[in-house]
Amino acid sequence: MFEQVKAVILDSLSCEPEDITMEARLVEDLEADSLDAVELNMALEEALGYSVADEELQNMKTVGDIVRYLEAHQG
């Protein structure tokens, strides 16, 4: 799941592949703003068929938070 999320983040945000780790913080490390978060969520839904509830998305601070959420809520 991490590799899939990483690929979507690479397509959605302007960051380097080595910057995307489970511990990478979306705002501080990957420089995502609120608009980026919305676009990232739409890209995840399109690429993986899963979407993160808006209220949950606000609580996600790291790439790992997204991966764990999607793993817990898939299928």
Protein backbone atom coordinates (compact mmCIF):
# COMPACT_ATOMS: atom_id res chain seq x y z
CA MET A 1 0.00 0.00 0.00
CA PHE A 2 2.87 2.40 0.78
CA GLU A 3 4.27 2.16 -2.75
CA GLN A 4 0.85 2.88 -4.23
CA VAL A 5 0.33 5.90 -1.98
CA LYS A 6 3.89 7.09 -2.72
CA ALA A 7 3.20 6.97 -6.47
CA VAL A 8 0.03 9.03 -6.05
CA ILE A 9 1.86 11.57 -3.86
CA LEU A 10 4.63 11.87 -6.46
CA ASP A 11 2.03 12.63 -9.12
CA SER A 12 0.11 15.06 -6.91
CA LEU A 13 2.78 17.01 -5.05
CA SER A 14 6.02 18.49 -6.28
CA CYS A 15 8.44 16.55 -4.09
CA GLU A 16 11.30 14.13 -4.54
CA PRO A 17 10.79 10.34 -4.26
CA GLU A 18 13.31 10.09 -1.43
CA ASP A 19 11.28 12.64 0.56
CA ILE A 20 8.28 10.33 0.72
CA THR A 21 8.60 8.02 3.70
CA MET A 22 6.09 6.66 6.20
CA GLU A 23 7.31 9.32 8.65
CA ALA A 24 7.21 12.23 6.17
CA ARG A 25 4.90 14.98 7.38
CA LEU A 26 2.54 16.20 4.68
CA VAL A 27 2.74 19.90 5.51
CA GLU A 28 6.20 20.30 7.01
CA ASP A 29 8.19 17.83 4.88
CA LEU A 30 6.22 17.61 1.63
CA GLU A 31 4.93 21.19 1.70
CA ALA A 32 1.30 20.24 1.07
CA ASP A 33 -1.35 22.87 1.74
CA SER A 34 -5.08 22.34 2.21
CA LEU A 35 -5.74 22.45 -1.54
CA ASP A 36 -2.99 19.86 -2.09
CA ALA A 37 -4.66 17.65 0.52
CA VAL A 38 -7.99 17.77 -1.34
CA GLU A 39 -6.29 17.04 -4.67
CA LEU A 40 -4.29 14.21 -3.10
CA ASN A 41 -7.46 12.66 -1.70
CA MET A 42 -9.13 12.81 -5.12
CA ALA A 43 -6.04 11.27 -6.73
CA LEU A 44 -6.00 8.45 -4.15
CA GLU A 45 -9.65 7.72 -4.86
CA GLU A 46 -9.04 7.69 -8.61
CA ALA A 47 -5.89 5.55 -8.43
CA LEU A 48 -6.78 3.15 -5.63
CA GLY A 49 -10.55 3.30 -5.41
CA TYR A 50 -10.41 4.45 -1.78
CA SER A 51 -11.09 7.86 -0.41
CA VAL A 52 -10.41 9.33 2.98
CA ALA A 53 -13.29 11.03 4.76
CA ASP A 54 -12.72 14.80 4.90
CA GLU A 55 -12.84 14.89 8.69
CA GLU A 56 -10.30 12.06 8.84
CA LEU A 57 -8.05 13.76 6.30
CA GLN A 58 -7.70 16.79 8.56
CA ASN A 59 -6.23 14.54 11.28
CA MET A 60 -3.63 12.93 9.03
CA LYS A 61 -0.20 14.43 9.49
CA THR A 62 2.11 11.87 7.87
CA VAL A 63 2.23 9.60 4.83
CA GLY A 64 2.02 6.69 7.29
CA ASP A 65 -1.28 8.02 8.63
CA ILE A 66 -2.74 7.81 5.12
CA VAL A 67 -1.31 4.33 4.48
CA ARG A 68 -2.61 2.96 7.80
CA TYR A 69 -6.05 4.50 7.22
CA LEU A 70 -6.34 3.00 3.75
CA GLU A 71 -5.11 -0.41 4.95
CA ALA A 72 -7.70 -0.38 7.74
CA HIS A 73 -10.55 0.70 5.45
CA GLN A 74 -9.92 -1.19 2.24
CA GLY A 75 -12.50 -3.63 0.95
